[in-house]
N, C-alpha and C. Protein backbone atom coordinates (compact mmCIF):
# COMPACT_ATOMS: atom_id res chain seq x y z
N MET A 1 -40.39 1.79 84.37
CA MET A 1 -39.09 2.14 83.84
C MET A 1 -38.98 1.73 82.38
N HIS A 2 -39.28 0.47 82.09
CA HIS A 2 -39.14 -0.02 80.72
C HIS A 2 -40.08 0.72 79.78
N THR A 3 -41.27 1.07 80.27
CA THR A 3 -42.22 1.77 79.43
C THR A 3 -41.66 3.13 79.03
N LYS A 4 -41.05 3.84 79.97
CA LYS A 4 -40.47 5.15 79.66
C LYS A 4 -39.38 5.01 78.60
N ILE A 5 -38.52 4.02 78.76
CA ILE A 5 -37.44 3.83 77.80
C ILE A 5 -38.00 3.47 76.44
N PHE A 6 -39.01 2.59 76.42
CA PHE A 6 -39.62 2.17 75.16
C PHE A 6 -40.25 3.37 74.46
N VAL A 7 -40.99 4.17 75.20
CA VAL A 7 -41.64 5.35 74.61
C VAL A 7 -40.59 6.33 74.10
N ALA A 8 -39.53 6.54 74.87
CA ALA A 8 -38.47 7.45 74.44
C ALA A 8 -37.80 6.94 73.17
N THR A 9 -37.57 5.64 73.10
CA THR A 9 -36.96 5.06 71.91
C THR A 9 -37.88 5.23 70.71
N ALA A 10 -39.17 4.95 70.91
CA ALA A 10 -40.13 5.08 69.82
C ALA A 10 -40.22 6.53 69.34
N LEU A 11 -40.21 7.47 70.27
CA LEU A 11 -40.25 8.89 69.89
C LEU A 11 -39.00 9.30 69.13
N LEU A 12 -37.86 8.78 69.55
CA LEU A 12 -36.61 9.09 68.86
C LEU A 12 -36.65 8.58 67.42
N ILE A 13 -37.13 7.37 67.25
CA ILE A 13 -37.23 6.81 65.90
C ILE A 13 -38.20 7.61 65.05
N ALA A 14 -39.36 7.95 65.62
CA ALA A 14 -40.35 8.73 64.88
C ALA A 14 -39.81 10.12 64.54
N ALA A 15 -39.14 10.74 65.50
CA ALA A 15 -38.60 12.07 65.27
C ALA A 15 -37.51 12.04 64.21
N SER A 16 -36.69 11.03 64.24
CA SER A 16 -35.60 10.93 63.26
C SER A 16 -36.14 10.87 61.85
N SER A 17 -37.20 10.12 61.64
CA SER A 17 -37.73 10.02 60.29
C SER A 17 -38.42 11.32 59.87
N SER A 18 -39.06 12.04 60.80
CA SER A 18 -39.70 13.29 60.41
C SER A 18 -38.65 14.39 60.21
N PHE A 19 -37.57 14.39 61.01
CA PHE A 19 -36.52 15.37 60.82
C PHE A 19 -35.83 15.18 59.48
N ALA A 20 -35.72 13.95 59.05
CA ALA A 20 -35.04 13.66 57.79
C ALA A 20 -35.71 14.37 56.62
N LYS A 21 -37.00 14.60 56.69
CA LYS A 21 -37.72 15.26 55.60
C LYS A 21 -37.27 16.71 55.43
N ASP A 22 -37.01 17.39 56.54
CA ASP A 22 -36.62 18.80 56.51
C ASP A 22 -35.15 18.99 56.83
N ASP A 23 -34.38 17.94 56.75
CA ASP A 23 -32.99 17.95 57.16
C ASP A 23 -32.13 18.70 56.14
N THR A 24 -31.24 19.54 56.64
CA THR A 24 -30.33 20.27 55.76
C THR A 24 -28.93 19.65 55.77
N ARG A 25 -28.78 18.54 56.47
CA ARG A 25 -27.49 17.87 56.50
C ARG A 25 -27.22 17.21 55.15
N PRO A 26 -25.97 16.86 54.88
CA PRO A 26 -25.66 16.15 53.64
C PRO A 26 -26.45 14.84 53.57
N ALA A 27 -26.87 14.49 52.37
CA ALA A 27 -27.69 13.29 52.17
C ALA A 27 -27.01 12.04 52.73
N ALA A 28 -25.70 11.95 52.60
CA ALA A 28 -24.98 10.77 53.10
C ALA A 28 -25.11 10.65 54.61
N GLU A 29 -25.09 11.78 55.31
CA GLU A 29 -25.23 11.76 56.77
C GLU A 29 -26.64 11.34 57.17
N VAL A 30 -27.63 11.86 56.48
CA VAL A 30 -29.02 11.49 56.75
C VAL A 30 -29.21 10.00 56.48
N GLN A 31 -28.66 9.52 55.37
CA GLN A 31 -28.79 8.10 55.02
C GLN A 31 -28.08 7.22 56.05
N ALA A 32 -26.93 7.65 56.51
CA ALA A 32 -26.20 6.88 57.52
C ALA A 32 -27.03 6.76 58.81
N GLU A 33 -27.69 7.84 59.19
CA GLU A 33 -28.54 7.82 60.38
C GLU A 33 -29.73 6.88 60.18
N LYS A 34 -30.34 6.96 59.01
CA LYS A 34 -31.47 6.08 58.71
C LYS A 34 -31.03 4.62 58.73
N THR A 35 -29.89 4.34 58.15
CA THR A 35 -29.36 2.97 58.14
C THR A 35 -29.11 2.48 59.56
N TYR A 36 -28.55 3.35 60.38
CA TYR A 36 -28.29 2.99 61.78
C TYR A 36 -29.61 2.66 62.50
N ILE A 37 -30.60 3.52 62.35
CA ILE A 37 -31.90 3.29 63.01
C ILE A 37 -32.53 2.00 62.50
N ASP A 38 -32.51 1.79 61.19
CA ASP A 38 -33.08 0.57 60.62
C ASP A 38 -32.36 -0.67 61.14
N THR A 39 -31.05 -0.59 61.25
CA THR A 39 -30.25 -1.71 61.75
C THR A 39 -30.59 -2.02 63.20
N GLN A 40 -30.69 -0.97 64.01
CA GLN A 40 -31.02 -1.16 65.42
C GLN A 40 -32.43 -1.73 65.57
N PHE A 41 -33.36 -1.24 64.78
CA PHE A 41 -34.73 -1.77 64.83
C PHE A 41 -34.72 -3.25 64.48
N ALA A 42 -34.00 -3.61 63.43
CA ALA A 42 -33.93 -5.01 63.00
C ALA A 42 -33.35 -5.90 64.10
N LYS A 43 -32.39 -5.39 64.86
CA LYS A 43 -31.82 -6.16 65.96
C LYS A 43 -32.87 -6.42 67.05
N LEU A 44 -33.69 -5.42 67.32
CA LEU A 44 -34.71 -5.57 68.35
C LEU A 44 -35.86 -6.45 67.88
N ASP A 45 -36.22 -6.36 66.61
CA ASP A 45 -37.35 -7.10 66.04
C ASP A 45 -36.90 -8.52 65.71
N THR A 46 -36.70 -9.33 66.74
CA THR A 46 -36.12 -10.65 66.55
C THR A 46 -37.03 -11.61 65.80
N ASN A 47 -38.35 -11.43 65.87
CA ASN A 47 -39.25 -12.31 65.12
C ASN A 47 -39.57 -11.77 63.73
N LYS A 48 -38.99 -10.62 63.39
CA LYS A 48 -39.08 -10.02 62.05
C LYS A 48 -40.52 -9.77 61.59
N ASP A 49 -41.39 -9.32 62.54
CA ASP A 49 -42.76 -9.01 62.16
C ASP A 49 -42.99 -7.52 61.93
N GLY A 50 -41.91 -6.74 61.98
CA GLY A 50 -42.03 -5.30 61.74
C GLY A 50 -42.45 -4.52 62.97
N LYS A 51 -42.51 -5.18 64.13
CA LYS A 51 -42.91 -4.54 65.38
C LYS A 51 -41.95 -4.98 66.47
N ILE A 52 -41.85 -4.16 67.51
CA ILE A 52 -41.06 -4.53 68.68
C ILE A 52 -42.04 -4.71 69.82
N ASP A 53 -42.21 -5.97 70.26
CA ASP A 53 -43.14 -6.23 71.35
C ASP A 53 -42.40 -6.19 72.69
N LYS A 54 -43.15 -6.35 73.77
CA LYS A 54 -42.57 -6.26 75.11
C LYS A 54 -41.47 -7.30 75.34
N THR A 55 -41.67 -8.49 74.83
CA THR A 55 -40.68 -9.56 75.02
C THR A 55 -39.38 -9.21 74.32
N GLU A 56 -39.48 -8.73 73.09
CA GLU A 56 -38.28 -8.35 72.34
C GLU A 56 -37.57 -7.19 73.02
N PHE A 57 -38.36 -6.22 73.48
CA PHE A 57 -37.76 -5.06 74.13
C PHE A 57 -37.11 -5.46 75.45
N ALA A 58 -37.76 -6.34 76.21
CA ALA A 58 -37.19 -6.80 77.48
C ALA A 58 -35.88 -7.55 77.24
N ALA A 59 -35.83 -8.36 76.21
CA ALA A 59 -34.59 -9.08 75.89
C ALA A 59 -33.49 -8.10 75.53
N PHE A 60 -33.83 -7.09 74.73
CA PHE A 60 -32.85 -6.06 74.37
C PHE A 60 -32.34 -5.34 75.62
N MET A 61 -33.26 -4.93 76.49
CA MET A 61 -32.85 -4.18 77.68
C MET A 61 -31.98 -5.03 78.61
N THR A 62 -32.31 -6.32 78.72
CA THR A 62 -31.49 -7.20 79.55
C THR A 62 -30.06 -7.23 79.04
N THR A 63 -29.90 -7.40 77.74
CA THR A 63 -28.57 -7.43 77.13
C THR A 63 -27.88 -6.07 77.26
N PHE A 64 -28.61 -5.00 76.97
CA PHE A 64 -28.06 -3.65 77.04
C PHE A 64 -27.58 -3.32 78.45
N LEU A 65 -28.40 -3.62 79.45
CA LEU A 65 -28.03 -3.29 80.82
C LEU A 65 -26.85 -4.14 81.29
N LYS A 66 -26.77 -5.38 80.87
CA LYS A 66 -25.62 -6.21 81.20
C LYS A 66 -24.34 -5.62 80.60
N GLN A 67 -24.43 -5.15 79.35
CA GLN A 67 -23.27 -4.52 78.72
C GLN A 67 -22.84 -3.29 79.52
N LYS A 68 -23.79 -2.48 79.94
CA LYS A 68 -23.47 -1.27 80.70
C LYS A 68 -22.85 -1.62 82.05
N ARG A 69 -23.38 -2.65 82.72
CA ARG A 69 -22.78 -3.08 83.99
C ARG A 69 -21.35 -3.57 83.78
N ASP A 70 -21.16 -4.35 82.72
CA ASP A 70 -19.82 -4.86 82.42
C ASP A 70 -18.85 -3.72 82.11
N GLU A 71 -19.31 -2.72 81.34
CA GLU A 71 -18.47 -1.55 81.04
C GLU A 71 -18.11 -0.79 82.31
N PHE A 72 -19.10 -0.61 83.19
CA PHE A 72 -18.84 0.07 84.45
C PHE A 72 -17.80 -0.71 85.26
N ASP A 73 -18.01 -2.02 85.39
CA ASP A 73 -17.07 -2.84 86.17
C ASP A 73 -15.66 -2.78 85.59
N LYS A 74 -15.55 -2.84 84.27
CA LYS A 74 -14.24 -2.77 83.63
C LYS A 74 -13.58 -1.41 83.88
N SER A 75 -14.35 -0.33 83.77
CA SER A 75 -13.81 1.01 84.03
C SER A 75 -13.39 1.17 85.48
N PHE A 76 -14.24 0.67 86.38
CA PHE A 76 -13.89 0.76 87.80
C PHE A 76 -12.62 -0.02 88.09
N ASP A 77 -12.54 -1.23 87.58
CA ASP A 77 -11.34 -2.05 87.81
C ASP A 77 -10.08 -1.39 87.27
N ALA A 78 -10.19 -0.73 86.12
CA ALA A 78 -9.03 -0.03 85.54
C ALA A 78 -8.64 1.16 86.42
N ALA A 79 -9.62 1.86 86.97
CA ALA A 79 -9.33 3.02 87.82
C ALA A 79 -8.78 2.60 89.17
N ASP A 80 -9.19 1.44 89.66
CA ASP A 80 -8.77 0.94 90.97
C ASP A 80 -7.38 0.31 90.84
N THR A 81 -6.37 1.16 90.73
CA THR A 81 -5.02 0.69 90.41
C THR A 81 -4.39 -0.20 91.47
N ASN A 82 -4.79 -0.04 92.73
CA ASN A 82 -4.24 -0.92 93.77
C ASN A 82 -5.17 -2.10 94.06
N HIS A 83 -6.26 -2.20 93.33
CA HIS A 83 -7.20 -3.34 93.38
C HIS A 83 -7.72 -3.65 94.79
N ASP A 84 -8.09 -2.57 95.50
CA ASP A 84 -8.64 -2.76 96.84
C ASP A 84 -10.17 -2.66 96.86
N GLY A 85 -10.79 -2.50 95.67
CA GLY A 85 -12.24 -2.46 95.59
C GLY A 85 -12.85 -1.10 95.86
N LYS A 86 -12.01 -0.08 95.94
CA LYS A 86 -12.50 1.28 96.17
C LYS A 86 -11.52 2.26 95.52
N LEU A 87 -12.01 3.46 95.27
CA LEU A 87 -11.17 4.49 94.64
C LEU A 87 -10.78 5.54 95.65
N SER A 88 -9.49 5.80 95.71
CA SER A 88 -8.99 6.90 96.53
C SER A 88 -9.20 8.20 95.74
N PRO A 89 -9.02 9.33 96.38
CA PRO A 89 -9.15 10.59 95.64
C PRO A 89 -8.20 10.67 94.44
N SER A 90 -6.99 10.18 94.57
CA SER A 90 -6.05 10.26 93.44
C SER A 90 -6.45 9.29 92.32
N GLU A 91 -6.95 8.11 92.66
CA GLU A 91 -7.41 7.18 91.63
C GLU A 91 -8.62 7.76 90.90
N ALA A 92 -9.53 8.37 91.65
CA ALA A 92 -10.72 8.99 91.04
C ALA A 92 -10.32 10.13 90.11
N ALA A 93 -9.35 10.96 90.55
CA ALA A 93 -8.91 12.09 89.73
C ALA A 93 -8.29 11.63 88.42
N LYS A 94 -7.52 10.56 88.47
CA LYS A 94 -6.89 10.03 87.26
C LYS A 94 -7.93 9.39 86.33
N ALA A 95 -8.96 8.81 86.91
CA ALA A 95 -9.95 8.07 86.13
C ALA A 95 -10.97 8.96 85.45
N ASN A 96 -11.46 9.96 86.19
CA ASN A 96 -12.58 10.74 85.68
C ASN A 96 -12.67 12.07 86.43
N PRO A 97 -12.57 13.18 85.71
CA PRO A 97 -12.64 14.49 86.36
C PRO A 97 -13.94 14.71 87.14
N MET A 98 -15.06 14.14 86.65
CA MET A 98 -16.34 14.33 87.36
C MET A 98 -16.34 13.59 88.70
N LEU A 99 -15.70 12.44 88.74
CA LEU A 99 -15.60 11.74 90.03
C LEU A 99 -14.80 12.58 91.01
N SER A 100 -13.71 13.14 90.54
CA SER A 100 -12.87 13.96 91.39
C SER A 100 -13.60 15.20 91.86
N LYS A 101 -14.26 15.86 90.93
CA LYS A 101 -14.98 17.10 91.23
C LYS A 101 -16.09 16.86 92.26
N ASN A 102 -16.76 15.73 92.17
CA ASN A 102 -17.90 15.43 93.04
C ASN A 102 -17.59 14.38 94.10
N PHE A 103 -16.32 14.18 94.38
CA PHE A 103 -15.89 13.11 95.26
C PHE A 103 -16.63 13.12 96.60
N LYS A 104 -16.64 14.26 97.27
CA LYS A 104 -17.24 14.33 98.61
C LYS A 104 -18.74 14.03 98.58
N ALA A 105 -19.42 14.49 97.54
CA ALA A 105 -20.86 14.23 97.44
C ALA A 105 -21.14 12.75 97.16
N ILE A 106 -20.28 12.12 96.38
CA ILE A 106 -20.46 10.70 96.04
C ILE A 106 -20.09 9.81 97.21
N ASP A 107 -19.09 10.23 97.98
CA ASP A 107 -18.62 9.46 99.15
C ASP A 107 -19.61 9.61 100.30
N THR A 108 -20.74 8.93 100.18
CA THR A 108 -21.84 9.13 101.14
C THR A 108 -21.53 8.66 102.55
N ASN A 109 -20.63 7.71 102.70
CA ASN A 109 -20.30 7.28 104.07
C ASN A 109 -19.12 8.06 104.64
N GLY A 110 -18.53 8.96 103.85
CA GLY A 110 -17.48 9.85 104.34
C GLY A 110 -16.17 9.17 104.72
N ASP A 111 -15.89 8.00 104.14
CA ASP A 111 -14.67 7.28 104.51
C ASP A 111 -13.45 7.66 103.66
N GLY A 112 -13.65 8.58 102.70
CA GLY A 112 -12.53 9.01 101.88
C GLY A 112 -12.26 8.13 100.67
N PHE A 113 -13.18 7.24 100.37
CA PHE A 113 -13.06 6.35 99.22
C PHE A 113 -14.42 6.25 98.51
N LEU A 114 -14.36 5.91 97.23
CA LEU A 114 -15.58 5.68 96.46
C LEU A 114 -15.67 4.20 96.11
N THR A 115 -16.81 3.61 96.43
CA THR A 115 -17.06 2.22 96.09
C THR A 115 -17.96 2.16 94.86
N PRO A 116 -18.03 1.02 94.21
CA PRO A 116 -18.95 0.89 93.08
C PRO A 116 -20.39 1.20 93.49
N VAL A 117 -20.79 0.81 94.69
CA VAL A 117 -22.15 1.07 95.17
C VAL A 117 -22.41 2.58 95.25
N GLU A 118 -21.45 3.32 95.79
CA GLU A 118 -21.61 4.77 95.91
C GLU A 118 -21.66 5.44 94.54
N ILE A 119 -20.82 5.00 93.63
CA ILE A 119 -20.80 5.61 92.29
C ILE A 119 -22.09 5.30 91.56
N ARG A 120 -22.55 4.05 91.63
CA ARG A 120 -23.82 3.70 90.98
C ARG A 120 -24.98 4.50 91.56
N ALA A 121 -24.98 4.68 92.89
CA ALA A 121 -26.04 5.46 93.53
C ALA A 121 -26.03 6.90 93.02
N ALA A 122 -24.84 7.46 92.85
CA ALA A 122 -24.72 8.83 92.33
C ALA A 122 -25.22 8.92 90.89
N ILE A 123 -24.88 7.90 90.10
CA ILE A 123 -25.35 7.88 88.70
C ILE A 123 -26.87 7.78 88.68
N ASN A 124 -27.43 6.89 89.50
CA ASN A 124 -28.88 6.74 89.54
C ASN A 124 -29.58 7.99 90.03
N LYS A 125 -28.93 8.71 90.94
CA LYS A 125 -29.50 9.96 91.43
C LYS A 125 -29.55 11.01 90.32
N GLN A 126 -28.51 11.02 89.48
CA GLN A 126 -28.46 11.96 88.36
C GLN A 126 -29.41 11.57 87.24
N HIS A 127 -29.67 10.28 87.09
CA HIS A 127 -30.51 9.77 86.01
C HIS A 127 -31.59 8.86 86.58
N PRO A 128 -32.57 9.46 87.30
CA PRO A 128 -33.61 8.62 87.90
C PRO A 128 -34.43 7.90 86.83
N GLN A 129 -34.96 6.77 87.22
CA GLN A 129 -35.69 5.96 86.25
C GLN A 129 -37.17 6.08 86.40
């Protein structure tokens, strides 16, 4: 999993710099993108050797995934207006149209509610690692 993400990140960075050569966007936009990529690289390259090794990447992914879990939990808690740990169809509809649209498919146990486990499973099914 981590190797795929690392390779994808590396390809994105390489592609961004090659696209910049033939880019027809305004120079300020291209520069802003380059600055963003350089800044993100610097954050990952914690030992400042100009490379991102497995340890640095693992530390980044640990932090990144924790942020994503925290964001998910915060969003779920906000949608769970009665704070019962699950989303009813009306709570799901108010929170996210995709949850509402796919409610029955996500509700794998068929109890009429969506739990964080069911929603995460649906997300993982859509984005396998």
